[in-house]
Amino acid sequence: MKKRTNPLDRFARDLSPGVLEWIGLRTERRGQLAEVNQVVAIEGAGLEGDHRTAKANGSARQVTVISREFIEQIIHFTGIAELHPGLLRRNLVVSGINLNALRHQRFEIGDALFEAGALCHPCSRMETALGKGGVAAMIGHGGLCCKILRGGTIALGDTVSVRHQGDNLDLFDTE
């Protein structure tokens, strides 16, 4: 029986690396996002200091990622002149990589290994944050929900690069 493959795998191989531009943590539910320069990604849990980390153990939504390019699309559709990433309630902003092609792929940022899963759909709170039409502006541009497969430090300016099937992922390195 032939193993079923993800159709995006062939496109992900050709992705140029991206860059981590912004990191945001919510210290409490519904709280403002605190902007940080670096953070520890905790395997199977989330980002150190983010309130969801304690509840997200094993969840597919340990970290949320959006691209600068998606933010530009949201700006275009809302007509907002400037949009701070914290309003969008995503943890990480990356640029220079096709975020939709990362879906169901493994990728590294700094020392950490992530796996992108579901699309991160906008919630009704975006209508308040962005104004009328905010949710509609984010449809298809809300980013991705990710798991952390290997913990480590991530920092602004780190490269975002795809790890291909068969790469040595060092997930079980015991040294």
N, C-alpha and C. Protein backbone atom coordinates (compact mmCIF):
# COMPACT_ATOMS: atom_id res chain seq x y z
N MET A 1 0.84 -1.18 0.00
CA MET A 1 0.00 0.00 0.00
C MET A 1 0.89 1.25 0.00
N LYS A 2 0.60 2.16 -0.89
CA LYS A 2 1.38 3.39 -1.00
C LYS A 2 1.02 4.34 0.14
N LYS A 3 2.05 4.90 0.75
CA LYS A 3 1.84 5.86 1.82
C LYS A 3 1.25 7.14 1.25
N ARG A 4 0.20 7.64 1.89
CA ARG A 4 -0.42 8.90 1.45
C ARG A 4 0.48 10.07 1.84
N THR A 5 0.69 10.97 0.92
CA THR A 5 1.56 12.11 1.20
C THR A 5 0.76 13.40 1.16
N ASN A 6 1.29 14.39 1.79
CA ASN A 6 0.69 15.71 1.80
C ASN A 6 1.03 16.39 0.47
N PRO A 7 0.03 16.85 -0.27
CA PRO A 7 0.30 17.48 -1.57
C PRO A 7 1.15 18.74 -1.45
N LEU A 8 1.18 19.37 -0.28
CA LEU A 8 2.00 20.57 -0.11
C LEU A 8 3.48 20.25 0.05
N ASP A 9 3.83 18.99 0.35
CA ASP A 9 5.23 18.62 0.55
C ASP A 9 6.11 19.04 -0.61
N ARG A 10 5.64 18.83 -1.83
CA ARG A 10 6.47 19.15 -2.99
C ARG A 10 6.70 20.65 -3.12
N PHE A 11 5.76 21.47 -2.66
CA PHE A 11 5.95 22.92 -2.73
C PHE A 11 6.82 23.42 -1.58
N ALA A 12 6.69 22.78 -0.42
CA ALA A 12 7.46 23.20 0.75
C ALA A 12 8.96 23.02 0.52
N ARG A 13 9.35 22.04 -0.28
CA ARG A 13 10.77 21.82 -0.58
C ARG A 13 11.40 23.05 -1.22
N ASP A 14 10.60 23.80 -1.96
CA ASP A 14 11.12 24.94 -2.71
C ASP A 14 11.02 26.27 -1.96
N LEU A 15 10.53 26.24 -0.73
CA LEU A 15 10.36 27.49 0.01
C LEU A 15 11.71 28.07 0.44
N SER A 16 11.87 29.35 0.20
CA SER A 16 13.04 30.06 0.72
C SER A 16 12.81 30.29 2.21
N PRO A 17 13.88 30.36 2.98
CA PRO A 17 13.70 30.62 4.42
C PRO A 17 13.07 31.98 4.66
N GLY A 18 12.35 32.07 5.76
CA GLY A 18 11.76 33.33 6.19
C GLY A 18 12.48 33.83 7.43
N VAL A 19 11.91 34.85 8.05
CA VAL A 19 12.51 35.48 9.23
C VAL A 19 11.43 35.70 10.29
N LEU A 20 11.79 35.48 11.55
CA LEU A 20 10.90 35.79 12.67
C LEU A 20 11.00 37.28 12.96
N GLU A 21 9.87 38.00 12.85
CA GLU A 21 9.85 39.46 13.00
C GLU A 21 9.30 39.94 14.33
N TRP A 22 8.42 39.17 14.95
CA TRP A 22 7.71 39.67 16.13
C TRP A 22 7.29 38.49 17.00
N ILE A 23 7.34 38.67 18.32
CA ILE A 23 6.91 37.65 19.28
C ILE A 23 5.98 38.32 20.28
N GLY A 24 4.82 37.72 20.52
CA GLY A 24 3.88 38.25 21.49
C GLY A 24 3.37 37.16 22.42
N LEU A 25 3.25 37.51 23.71
CA LEU A 25 2.78 36.57 24.73
C LEU A 25 1.60 37.19 25.47
N ARG A 26 0.61 36.37 25.76
CA ARG A 26 -0.50 36.81 26.61
C ARG A 26 -0.28 36.21 27.99
N THR A 27 -0.08 37.05 28.97
CA THR A 27 0.17 36.55 30.32
C THR A 27 -1.13 36.12 31.00
N GLU A 28 -2.27 36.60 30.49
CA GLU A 28 -3.56 36.21 31.05
C GLU A 28 -4.60 36.12 29.94
N ARG A 29 -5.65 35.36 30.20
CA ARG A 29 -6.72 35.19 29.23
C ARG A 29 -7.31 36.55 28.88
N ARG A 30 -7.51 36.79 27.61
CA ARG A 30 -8.06 38.04 27.08
C ARG A 30 -7.17 39.26 27.37
N GLY A 31 -5.97 39.02 27.85
CA GLY A 31 -5.06 40.11 28.14
C GLY A 31 -4.37 40.64 26.89
N GLN A 32 -3.71 41.76 27.04
CA GLN A 32 -2.92 42.33 25.96
C GLN A 32 -1.70 41.45 25.70
N LEU A 33 -1.20 41.47 24.50
CA LEU A 33 0.01 40.73 24.19
C LEU A 33 1.22 41.56 24.58
N ALA A 34 2.14 40.92 25.30
CA ALA A 34 3.40 41.55 25.66
C ALA A 34 4.40 41.21 24.57
N GLU A 35 5.05 42.23 24.04
CA GLU A 35 6.03 42.07 22.98
C GLU A 35 7.38 41.72 23.61
N VAL A 36 8.03 40.64 23.13
CA VAL A 36 9.33 40.24 23.65
C VAL A 36 10.30 40.02 22.50
N ASN A 37 11.59 40.05 22.80
CA ASN A 37 12.62 39.85 21.77
C ASN A 37 13.01 38.39 21.60
N GLN A 38 12.81 37.61 22.66
CA GLN A 38 13.07 36.17 22.57
C GLN A 38 12.24 35.46 23.60
N VAL A 39 12.05 34.16 23.39
CA VAL A 39 11.24 33.36 24.29
C VAL A 39 11.67 31.90 24.17
N VAL A 40 11.36 31.12 25.19
CA VAL A 40 11.62 29.68 25.14
C VAL A 40 10.34 28.98 24.69
N ALA A 41 10.45 28.19 23.64
CA ALA A 41 9.36 27.35 23.17
C ALA A 41 9.47 26.04 23.94
N ILE A 42 8.39 25.65 24.62
CA ILE A 42 8.39 24.45 25.46
C ILE A 42 7.73 23.31 24.69
N GLU A 43 8.47 22.25 24.49
CA GLU A 43 7.98 21.10 23.73
C GLU A 43 6.63 20.61 24.25
N GLY A 44 5.68 20.49 23.35
CA GLY A 44 4.37 19.94 23.68
C GLY A 44 3.48 20.87 24.48
N ALA A 45 3.91 22.11 24.72
CA ALA A 45 3.12 22.98 25.59
C ALA A 45 2.84 24.36 25.00
N GLY A 46 3.86 25.13 24.67
CA GLY A 46 3.66 26.48 24.18
C GLY A 46 4.86 27.35 24.47
N LEU A 47 4.64 28.65 24.49
CA LEU A 47 5.72 29.60 24.73
C LEU A 47 5.76 29.98 26.21
N GLU A 48 6.96 29.97 26.77
CA GLU A 48 7.12 30.30 28.18
C GLU A 48 6.57 31.70 28.45
N GLY A 49 5.70 31.81 29.45
CA GLY A 49 5.12 33.10 29.79
C GLY A 49 3.75 33.35 29.17
N ASP A 50 3.34 32.52 28.20
CA ASP A 50 2.03 32.67 27.58
C ASP A 50 1.01 31.88 28.40
N HIS A 51 -0.14 32.47 28.67
CA HIS A 51 -1.13 31.84 29.54
C HIS A 51 -1.64 30.50 28.99
N ARG A 52 -1.63 30.32 27.68
CA ARG A 52 -2.14 29.06 27.10
C ARG A 52 -1.20 27.88 27.32
N THR A 53 0.04 28.15 27.68
CA THR A 53 1.02 27.07 27.81
C THR A 53 0.58 26.03 28.83
N ALA A 54 0.02 26.46 29.94
CA ALA A 54 -0.41 25.52 30.97
C ALA A 54 -1.58 24.67 30.51
N LYS A 55 -2.41 25.19 29.60
CA LYS A 55 -3.60 24.48 29.15
C LYS A 55 -3.43 23.79 27.80
N ALA A 56 -2.38 24.12 27.09
CA ALA A 56 -2.24 23.66 25.71
C ALA A 56 -1.44 22.37 25.58
N ASN A 57 -1.13 21.71 26.69
CA ASN A 57 -0.33 20.51 26.64
C ASN A 57 -0.93 19.49 25.67
N GLY A 58 -0.22 19.19 24.62
CA GLY A 58 -0.68 18.25 23.62
C GLY A 58 -1.60 18.84 22.58
N SER A 59 -2.03 20.07 22.76
CA SER A 59 -2.95 20.74 21.84
C SER A 59 -2.27 21.01 20.50
N ALA A 60 -3.08 21.13 19.47
CA ALA A 60 -2.56 21.50 18.15
C ALA A 60 -2.44 23.02 18.03
N ARG A 61 -2.84 23.76 19.07
CA ARG A 61 -2.79 25.22 19.04
C ARG A 61 -1.91 25.73 20.17
N GLN A 62 -0.68 25.26 20.22
CA GLN A 62 0.26 25.69 21.24
C GLN A 62 0.84 27.05 20.92
N VAL A 63 0.97 27.34 19.63
CA VAL A 63 1.53 28.60 19.14
C VAL A 63 0.75 28.99 17.89
N THR A 64 0.49 30.29 17.74
CA THR A 64 -0.15 30.78 16.52
C THR A 64 0.84 31.65 15.75
N VAL A 65 0.84 31.46 14.43
CA VAL A 65 1.80 32.16 13.57
C VAL A 65 1.04 32.85 12.45
N ILE A 66 1.43 34.08 12.16
CA ILE A 66 0.88 34.83 11.04
C ILE A 66 2.06 35.44 10.28
N SER A 67 1.87 35.74 9.03
CA SER A 67 2.96 36.34 8.25
C SER A 67 2.76 37.84 8.08
N ARG A 68 3.85 38.54 7.90
CA ARG A 68 3.80 39.98 7.61
C ARG A 68 2.99 40.21 6.33
N GLU A 69 3.12 39.30 5.39
CA GLU A 69 2.39 39.41 4.13
C GLU A 69 0.88 39.31 4.37
N PHE A 70 0.45 38.43 5.28
CA PHE A 70 -0.98 38.34 5.62
C PHE A 70 -1.44 39.62 6.30
N ILE A 71 -0.60 40.17 7.17
CA ILE A 71 -0.96 41.42 7.84
C ILE A 71 -1.15 42.53 6.81
N GLU A 72 -0.31 42.55 5.80
CA GLU A 72 -0.47 43.55 4.73
C GLU A 72 -1.79 43.36 3.99
N GLN A 73 -2.21 42.12 3.79
CA GLN A 73 -3.50 41.85 3.16
C GLN A 73 -4.65 42.34 4.04
N ILE A 74 -4.54 42.11 5.34
CA ILE A 74 -5.57 42.56 6.28
C ILE A 74 -5.66 44.09 6.27
N ILE A 75 -4.50 44.75 6.23
CA ILE A 75 -4.47 46.21 6.13
C ILE A 75 -5.19 46.66 4.85
N HIS A 76 -4.89 45.99 3.76
CA HIS A 76 -5.52 46.32 2.48
C HIS A 76 -7.05 46.20 2.57
N PHE A 77 -7.54 45.08 3.13
CA PHE A 77 -8.98 44.84 3.16
C PHE A 77 -9.72 45.68 4.19
N THR A 78 -9.05 46.10 5.26
CA THR A 78 -9.72 46.91 6.28
C THR A 78 -9.56 48.41 6.04
N GLY A 79 -8.51 48.79 5.31
CA GLY A 79 -8.24 50.20 5.11
C GLY A 79 -7.54 50.85 6.29
N ILE A 80 -7.16 50.04 7.27
CA ILE A 80 -6.42 50.56 8.43
C ILE A 80 -5.04 50.98 7.95
N ALA A 81 -4.59 52.15 8.38
CA ALA A 81 -3.29 52.67 7.92
C ALA A 81 -2.13 51.88 8.50
N GLU A 82 -2.21 51.53 9.77
CA GLU A 82 -1.13 50.81 10.44
C GLU A 82 -1.76 49.80 11.39
N LEU A 83 -1.22 48.58 11.41
CA LEU A 83 -1.79 47.51 12.21
C LEU A 83 -0.71 46.87 13.07
N HIS A 84 -0.81 47.05 14.38
CA HIS A 84 0.14 46.43 15.30
C HIS A 84 -0.18 44.94 15.40
N PRO A 85 0.82 44.04 15.31
CA PRO A 85 0.56 42.60 15.35
C PRO A 85 -0.18 42.14 16.60
N GLY A 86 -0.01 42.84 17.72
CA GLY A 86 -0.68 42.45 18.95
C GLY A 86 -2.19 42.46 18.85
N LEU A 87 -2.74 43.30 17.98
CA LEU A 87 -4.20 43.35 17.80
C LEU A 87 -4.74 42.04 17.22
N LEU A 88 -3.90 41.33 16.49
CA LEU A 88 -4.35 40.10 15.81
C LEU A 88 -4.27 38.87 16.71
N ARG A 89 -3.66 39.01 17.88
CA ARG A 89 -3.64 37.97 18.91
C ARG A 89 -2.92 36.70 18.45
N ARG A 90 -1.92 36.84 17.61
CA ARG A 90 -1.08 35.72 17.20
C ARG A 90 0.23 35.84 17.95
N ASN A 91 0.90 34.69 18.19
CA ASN A 91 2.15 34.71 18.96
C ASN A 91 3.36 35.14 18.14
N LEU A 92 3.41 34.69 16.89
CA LEU A 92 4.61 34.94 16.08
C LEU A 92 4.23 35.56 14.75
N VAL A 93 5.07 36.52 14.32
CA VAL A 93 4.93 37.09 12.98
C VAL A 93 6.21 36.74 12.23
N VAL A 94 6.04 36.12 11.07
CA VAL A 94 7.17 35.77 10.21
C VAL A 94 7.02 36.52 8.90
N SER A 95 8.09 36.57 8.13
CA SER A 95 8.01 37.19 6.80
C SER A 95 8.91 36.44 5.84
N GLY A 96 8.64 36.63 4.55
CA GLY A 96 9.49 36.08 3.51
C GLY A 96 9.29 34.61 3.22
N ILE A 97 8.22 34.01 3.76
CA ILE A 97 7.95 32.59 3.51
C ILE A 97 6.45 32.45 3.26
N ASN A 98 6.08 31.57 2.34
CA ASN A 98 4.67 31.34 2.03
C ASN A 98 4.05 30.55 3.17
N LEU A 99 3.35 31.24 4.05
CA LEU A 99 2.81 30.62 5.24
C LEU A 99 1.81 29.50 4.92
N ASN A 100 0.98 29.70 3.91
CA ASN A 100 0.02 28.64 3.57
C ASN A 100 0.70 27.36 3.11
N ALA A 101 1.85 27.47 2.48
CA ALA A 101 2.59 26.27 2.05
C ALA A 101 3.24 25.56 3.24
N LEU A 102 3.30 26.21 4.40
CA LEU A 102 3.84 25.57 5.60
C LEU A 102 2.82 24.67 6.31
N ARG A 103 1.57 24.75 5.88
CA ARG A 103 0.53 23.95 6.54
C ARG A 103 0.87 22.46 6.45
N HIS A 104 0.77 21.80 7.60
CA HIS A 104 1.09 20.37 7.75
C HIS A 104 2.56 20.07 7.48
N GLN A 105 3.40 21.06 7.68
CA GLN A 105 4.85 20.89 7.52
C GLN A 105 5.54 21.12 8.85
N ARG A 106 6.74 20.61 8.94
CA ARG A 106 7.60 20.89 10.10
C ARG A 106 8.59 21.98 9.71
N PHE A 107 8.81 22.90 10.64
CA PHE A 107 9.74 23.99 10.36
C PHE A 107 10.45 24.39 11.65
N GLU A 108 11.63 24.96 11.47
CA GLU A 108 12.43 25.40 12.61
C GLU A 108 12.46 26.92 12.67
N ILE A 109 12.44 27.39 13.89
CA ILE A 109 12.73 28.79 14.19
C ILE A 109 13.71 28.72 15.36
N GLY A 110 14.88 29.30 15.19
CA GLY A 110 15.89 29.20 16.24
C GLY A 110 16.18 27.74 16.56
N ASP A 111 16.15 27.40 17.86
CA ASP A 111 16.43 26.04 18.31
C ASP A 111 15.20 25.14 18.30
N ALA A 112 14.03 25.71 18.07
CA ALA A 112 12.77 24.97 18.22
C ALA A 112 12.27 24.41 16.89
N LEU A 113 11.54 23.29 16.99
CA LEU A 113 10.92 22.64 15.84
C LEU A 113 9.41 22.68 16.02
N PHE A 114 8.72 23.18 15.02
CA PHE A 114 7.27 23.32 15.05
C PHE A 114 6.64 22.45 13.97
N GLU A 115 5.36 22.15 14.16
CA GLU A 115 4.57 21.51 13.12
C GLU A 115 3.29 22.30 12.95
N ALA A 116 3.08 22.80 11.74
CA ALA A 116 1.89 23.59 11.45
C ALA A 116 0.72 22.66 11.17
N GLY A 117 -0.43 23.01 11.70
CA GLY A 117 -1.62 22.20 11.50
C GLY A 117 -2.73 23.01 10.87
N ALA A 118 -3.76 23.25 11.66
CA ALA A 118 -4.96 23.92 11.16
C ALA A 118 -4.73 25.40 10.87
N LEU A 119 -5.59 25.92 10.03
CA LEU A 119 -5.62 27.35 9.81
C LEU A 119 -6.09 28.01 11.11
N CYS A 120 -5.60 29.19 11.39
CA CYS A 120 -6.00 29.93 12.58
C CYS A 120 -7.06 30.94 12.14
N HIS A 121 -8.29 30.54 12.28
CA HIS A 121 -9.39 31.37 11.83
C HIS A 121 -9.60 32.56 12.76
N PRO A 122 -10.06 33.68 12.24
CA PRO A 122 -10.31 34.84 13.10
C PRO A 122 -11.52 34.61 13.99
N CYS A 123 -11.44 35.14 15.20
CA CYS A 123 -12.57 35.06 16.11
C CYS A 123 -13.38 36.36 16.02
N SER A 124 -14.54 36.37 16.63
CA SER A 124 -15.42 37.54 16.57
C SER A 124 -14.78 38.77 17.21
N ARG A 125 -13.78 38.58 18.06
CA ARG A 125 -13.09 39.71 18.70
C ARG A 125 -12.36 40.57 17.66
N MET A 126 -12.08 40.02 16.50
CA MET A 126 -11.39 40.80 15.47
C MET A 126 -12.29 41.90 14.91
N GLU A 127 -13.59 41.72 15.02
CA GLU A 127 -14.52 42.76 14.57
C GLU A 127 -14.38 43.99 15.47
N THR A 128 -14.14 43.77 16.75
CA THR A 128 -13.91 44.88 17.69
C THR A 128 -12.52 45.48 17.47
N ALA A 129 -11.53 44.63 17.35
CA ALA A 129 -10.14 45.09 17.23
C ALA A 129 -9.88 45.84 15.92
N LEU A 130 -10.48 45.34 14.83
CA LEU A 130 -10.19 45.90 13.50
C LEU A 130 -11.32 46.75 12.93
N GLY A 131 -12.47 46.72 13.57
CA GLY A 131 -13.62 47.46 13.06
C GLY A 131 -14.49 46.58 12.19
N LYS A 132 -15.59 47.16 11.76
CA LYS A 132 -16.54 46.42 10.91
C LYS A 132 -15.83 45.84 9.69
N GLY A 133 -16.03 44.55 9.48
CA GLY A 133 -15.38 43.87 8.36
C GLY A 133 -14.05 43.24 8.74
N GLY A 134 -13.65 43.35 10.00
CA GLY A 134 -12.36 42.81 10.44
C GLY A 134 -12.25 41.30 10.29
N VAL A 135 -13.32 40.59 10.65
CA VAL A 135 -13.30 39.13 10.50
C VAL A 135 -13.20 38.76 9.03
N ALA A 136 -14.00 39.41 8.20
CA ALA A 136 -13.96 39.11 6.76
C ALA A 136 -12.58 39.38 6.17
N ALA A 137 -11.93 40.44 6.64
CA ALA A 137 -10.59 40.79 6.14
C ALA A 137 -9.56 39.72 6.49
N MET A 138 -9.79 39.00 7.57
CA MET A 138 -8.82 37.99 8.01
C MET A 138 -9.08 36.60 7.44
N ILE A 139 -10.23 36.38 6.86
CA ILE A 139 -10.53 35.04 6.34
C ILE A 139 -9.49 34.67 5.29
N GLY A 140 -8.84 33.56 5.50
CA GLY A 140 -7.76 33.11 4.62
C GLY A 140 -6.42 33.74 4.92
N HIS A 141 -6.39 34.69 5.86
CA HIS A 141 -5.16 35.39 6.21
C HIS A 141 -4.91 35.39 7.71
N GLY A 142 -5.51 34.45 8.42
CA GLY A 142 -5.40 34.40 9.88
C GLY A 142 -4.18 33.68 10.41
N GLY A 143 -3.47 32.99 9.54
CA GLY A 143 -2.27 32.29 9.97
C GLY A 143 -2.50 30.82 10.25
N LEU A 144 -1.59 30.23 11.04
CA LEU A 144 -1.61 28.80 11.33
C LEU A 144 -1.49 28.53 12.82
N CYS A 145 -2.09 27.43 13.24
CA CYS A 145 -1.93 26.91 14.60
C CYS A 145 -0.83 25.86 14.53
N CYS A 146 0.06 25.87 15.53
CA CYS A 146 1.22 24.97 15.49
C CYS A 146 1.44 24.27 16.82
N LYS A 147 2.09 23.11 16.72
CA LYS A 147 2.58 22.37 17.88
C LYS A 147 4.08 22.58 17.97
N ILE A 148 4.61 22.45 19.17
CA ILE A 148 6.06 22.51 19.35
C ILE A 148 6.55 21.08 19.54
N LEU A 149 7.33 20.59 18.58
CA LEU A 149 7.85 19.22 18.63
C LEU A 149 9.19 19.12 19.35
N ARG A 150 9.95 20.20 19.31
CA ARG A 150 11.23 20.26 20.03
C ARG A 150 11.36 21.67 20.58
N GLY A 151 11.55 21.76 21.86
CA GLY A 151 11.67 23.06 22.50
C GLY A 151 13.00 23.71 22.22
N GLY A 152 13.08 24.99 22.56
CA GLY A 152 14.32 25.73 22.40
C GLY A 152 14.04 27.22 22.40
N THR A 153 15.09 27.98 22.37
CA THR A 153 14.97 29.44 22.36
C THR A 153 14.74 29.94 20.94
N ILE A 154 13.80 30.87 20.80
CA ILE A 154 13.58 31.54 19.53
C ILE A 154 13.72 33.04 19.78
N ALA A 155 14.25 33.76 18.79
CA ALA A 155 14.51 35.19 18.96
C ALA A 155 14.23 35.93 17.66
N LEU A 156 13.93 37.22 17.79
CA LEU A 156 13.73 38.06 16.62
C LEU A 156 14.92 37.94 15.68
N GLY A 157 14.65 37.83 14.40
CA GLY A 157 15.70 37.71 13.40
C GLY A 157 16.07 36.27 13.08
N ASP A 158 15.56 35.30 13.87
CA ASP A 158 15.84 33.89 13.58
C ASP A 158 15.26 33.50 12.23
N THR A 159 15.91 32.57 11.57
CA THR A 159 15.46 32.04 10.29
C THR A 159 14.30 31.07 10.52
N VAL A 160 13.34 31.10 9.61
CA VAL A 160 12.22 30.16 9.59
C VAL A 160 12.48 29.25 8.40
N SER A 161 12.76 27.96 8.66
CA SER A 161 13.08 27.07 7.54
C SER A 161 12.36 25.74 7.68
N VAL A 162 11.92 25.23 6.54
CA VAL A 162 11.18 23.97 6.47
C VAL A 162 12.13 22.81 6.73
N ARG A 163 11.66 21.83 7.49
CA ARG A 163 12.38 20.56 7.68
C ARG A 163 11.64 19.53 6.85
N HIS A 164 12.32 18.91 5.92
CA HIS A 164 11.69 17.98 5.00
C HIS A 164 11.57 16.58 5.59
N GLN A 165 10.59 15.85 5.09
CA GLN A 165 10.40 14.45 5.50
C GLN A 165 11.72 13.72 5.31
N GLY A 166 12.15 12.99 6.31
CA GLY A 166 13.41 12.25 6.20
C GLY A 166 14.60 13.00 6.76
N ASP A 167 14.47 14.31 7.02
CA ASP A 167 15.56 15.03 7.67
C ASP A 167 15.76 14.47 9.06
N ASN A 168 16.97 14.49 9.53
CA ASN A 168 17.25 14.07 10.91
C ASN A 168 16.71 15.16 11.82
N LEU A 169 15.60 14.87 12.51
CA LEU A 169 14.93 15.89 13.31
C LEU A 169 15.40 15.91 14.76
N ASP A 170 16.22 14.96 15.16
CA ASP A 170 16.77 14.92 16.51
C ASP A 170 15.68 15.01 17.57
N LEU A 171 14.52 14.42 17.32
CA LEU A 171 13.44 14.50 18.30
C LEU A 171 13.71 13.66 19.54
N PHE A 172 14.50 12.61 19.38
CA PHE A 172 14.74 11.72 20.48
C PHE A 172 16.19 11.72 20.93
N ASP A 173 16.88 12.79 20.67
CA ASP A 173 18.28 12.92 21.07
C ASP A 173 18.37 12.92 22.57
N THR A 174 19.11 11.99 23.15
CA THR A 174 19.17 11.88 24.61
C THR A 174 20.46 12.40 25.17
N GLU A 175 21.34 12.91 24.34
CA GLU A 175 22.62 13.43 24.85
C GLU A 175 22.44 14.78 25.45
